[in-house]
């Protein structure tokens, strides 16, 4: 998780204080740092997805509503 926290700070997705608070909230209430950032700090979801992508060497997830299911 330390790598993700560093990338979030380096890319300006969240400040060091915001990352620290999100980590503390995730320990206190469960969940992960990224969820805490989205819920309590209101970070940009696309920037967060790009940071996760960089940390895990995977393509970034598309941000936005999920597509509707087909009728059949």
C-alpha atoms as a PDB file:
ATOM      1  CA  UNK A   1       0.000   0.000   0.000  1.00  0.00           C
ATOM      2  CA  UNK A   2       2.941   2.313   0.604  1.00  0.00           C
ATOM      3  CA  UNK A   3       3.658   2.401  -3.122  1.00  0.00           C
ATOM      4  CA  UNK A   4       0.071   3.459  -3.882  1.00  0.00           C
ATOM      5  CA  UNK A   5       0.147   6.133  -1.204  1.00  0.00           C
ATOM      6  CA  UNK A   6       3.387   7.536  -2.640  1.00  0.00           C
ATOM      7  CA  UNK A   7       1.991   7.539  -6.193  1.00  0.00           C
ATOM      8  CA  UNK A   8      -1.185   9.299  -5.019  1.00  0.00           C
ATOM      9  CA  UNK A   9       0.911  12.013  -3.416  1.00  0.00           C
ATOM     10  CA  UNK A  10       3.396  12.320  -6.307  1.00  0.00           C
ATOM     11  CA  UNK A  11       0.622  12.684  -8.880  1.00  0.00           C
ATOM     12  CA  UNK A  12      -1.233  15.203  -6.767  1.00  0.00           C
ATOM     13  CA  UNK A  13      -4.316  12.984  -6.494  1.00  0.00           C
ATOM     14  CA  UNK A  14      -4.396  13.589  -2.754  1.00  0.00           C
ATOM     15  CA  UNK A  15      -2.248  15.467  -0.285  1.00  0.00           C
ATOM     16  CA  UNK A  16      -0.111  13.589   2.230  1.00  0.00           C
ATOM     17  CA  UNK A  17      -2.597  14.590   4.931  1.00  0.00           C
ATOM     18  CA  UNK A  18      -5.565  13.307   2.905  1.00  0.00           C
ATOM     19  CA  UNK A  19      -3.808  10.001   2.250  1.00  0.00           C
ATOM     20  CA  UNK A  20      -2.952   9.672   5.937  1.00  0.00           C
ATOM     21  CA  UNK A  21      -6.530  10.429   6.987  1.00  0.00           C
ATOM     22  CA  UNK A  22      -7.922   7.982   4.410  1.00  0.00           C
ATOM     23  CA  UNK A  23      -5.570   5.269   5.692  1.00  0.00           C
ATOM     24  CA  UNK A  24      -6.685   5.932   9.274  1.00  0.00           C
ATOM     25  CA  UNK A  25     -10.368   5.854   8.270  1.00  0.00           C
ATOM     26  CA  UNK A  26      -9.905   2.578   6.429  1.00  0.00           C
ATOM     27  CA  UNK A  27      -8.311   1.024   9.517  1.00  0.00           C
ATOM     28  CA  UNK A  28     -11.044   2.367  11.762  1.00  0.00           C
ATOM     29  CA  UNK A  29     -14.061   1.556   9.601  1.00  0.00           C
ATOM     30  CA  UNK A  30     -12.718  -1.160   7.294  1.00  0.00           C
ATOM     31  CA  UNK A  31     -12.366  -0.957   3.559  1.00  0.00           C
ATOM     32  CA  UNK A  32      -9.390   0.343   1.685  1.00  0.00           C
ATOM     33  CA  UNK A  33      -7.616   3.653   1.234  1.00  0.00           C
ATOM     34  CA  UNK A  34      -9.037   4.251  -2.238  1.00  0.00           C
ATOM     35  CA  UNK A  35     -12.625   3.856  -1.031  1.00  0.00           C
ATOM     36  CA  UNK A  36     -11.960   6.193   1.880  1.00  0.00           C
ATOM     37  CA  UNK A  37     -10.494   8.766  -0.501  1.00  0.00           C
ATOM     38  CA  UNK A  38     -13.543   8.597  -2.745  1.00  0.00           C
ATOM     39  CA  UNK A  39     -16.001   8.791   0.149  1.00  0.00           C
ATOM     40  CA  UNK A  40     -14.421  11.284   2.506  1.00  0.00           C
ATOM     41  CA  UNK A  41     -11.930  13.354   0.520  1.00  0.00           C
ATOM     42  CA  UNK A  42     -13.712  13.558  -2.846  1.00  0.00           C
ATOM     43  CA  UNK A  43     -10.701  12.834  -5.058  1.00  0.00           C
ATOM     44  CA  UNK A  44     -10.972  12.672  -8.842  1.00  0.00           C
ATOM     45  CA  UNK A  45     -11.974   9.116  -9.743  1.00  0.00           C
ATOM     46  CA  UNK A  46     -10.141   9.139 -13.088  1.00  0.00           C
ATOM     47  CA  UNK A  47      -6.903  10.296 -11.445  1.00  0.00           C
ATOM     48  CA  UNK A  48      -7.310   7.652  -8.752  1.00  0.00           C
ATOM     49  CA  UNK A  49      -7.859   4.971 -11.407  1.00  0.00           C
ATOM     50  CA  UNK A  50      -4.738   6.115 -13.268  1.00  0.00           C
ATOM     51  CA  UNK A  51      -2.676   5.941 -10.049  1.00  0.00           C
ATOM     52  CA  UNK A  52      -3.924   2.415  -9.329  1.00  0.00           C
ATOM     53  CA  UNK A  53      -3.104   1.466 -12.903  1.00  0.00           C
ATOM     54  CA  UNK A  54       0.451   2.727 -12.531  1.00  0.00           C
ATOM     55  CA  UNK A  55       0.949   0.847  -9.256  1.00  0.00           C
ATOM     56  CA  UNK A  56      -0.260  -2.478 -10.581  1.00  0.00           C
ATOM     57  CA  UNK A  57       0.920  -2.253 -14.208  1.00  0.00           C
ATOM     58  CA  UNK A  58      -2.629  -2.782 -15.468  1.00  0.00           C
ATOM     59  CA  UNK A  59      -4.802  -0.692 -17.786  1.00  0.00           C
ATOM     60  CA  UNK A  60      -6.876   1.928 -15.985  1.00  0.00           C
ATOM     61  CA  UNK A  61     -10.521   1.107 -15.448  1.00  0.00           C
ATOM     62  CA  UNK A  62     -13.000   3.268 -17.303  1.00  0.00           C
ATOM     63  CA  UNK A  63     -14.683   5.824 -15.094  1.00  0.00           C
ATOM     64  CA  UNK A  64     -18.395   6.459 -15.277  1.00  0.00           C
ATOM     65  CA  UNK A  65     -21.705   4.648 -15.160  1.00  0.00           C
ATOM     66  CA  UNK A  66     -21.728   0.952 -15.927  1.00  0.00           C
ATOM     67  CA  UNK A  67     -23.386  -0.013 -19.199  1.00  0.00           C
ATOM     68  CA  UNK A  68     -26.974  -1.221 -19.045  1.00  0.00           C
ATOM     69  CA  UNK A  69     -27.659  -4.937 -19.402  1.00  0.00           C
ATOM     70  CA  UNK A  70     -29.242  -6.231 -22.570  1.00  0.00           C
ATOM     71  CA  UNK A  71     -32.923  -7.152 -22.303  1.00  0.00           C
ATOM     72  CA  UNK A  72     -32.240 -10.796 -23.122  1.00  0.00           C
END
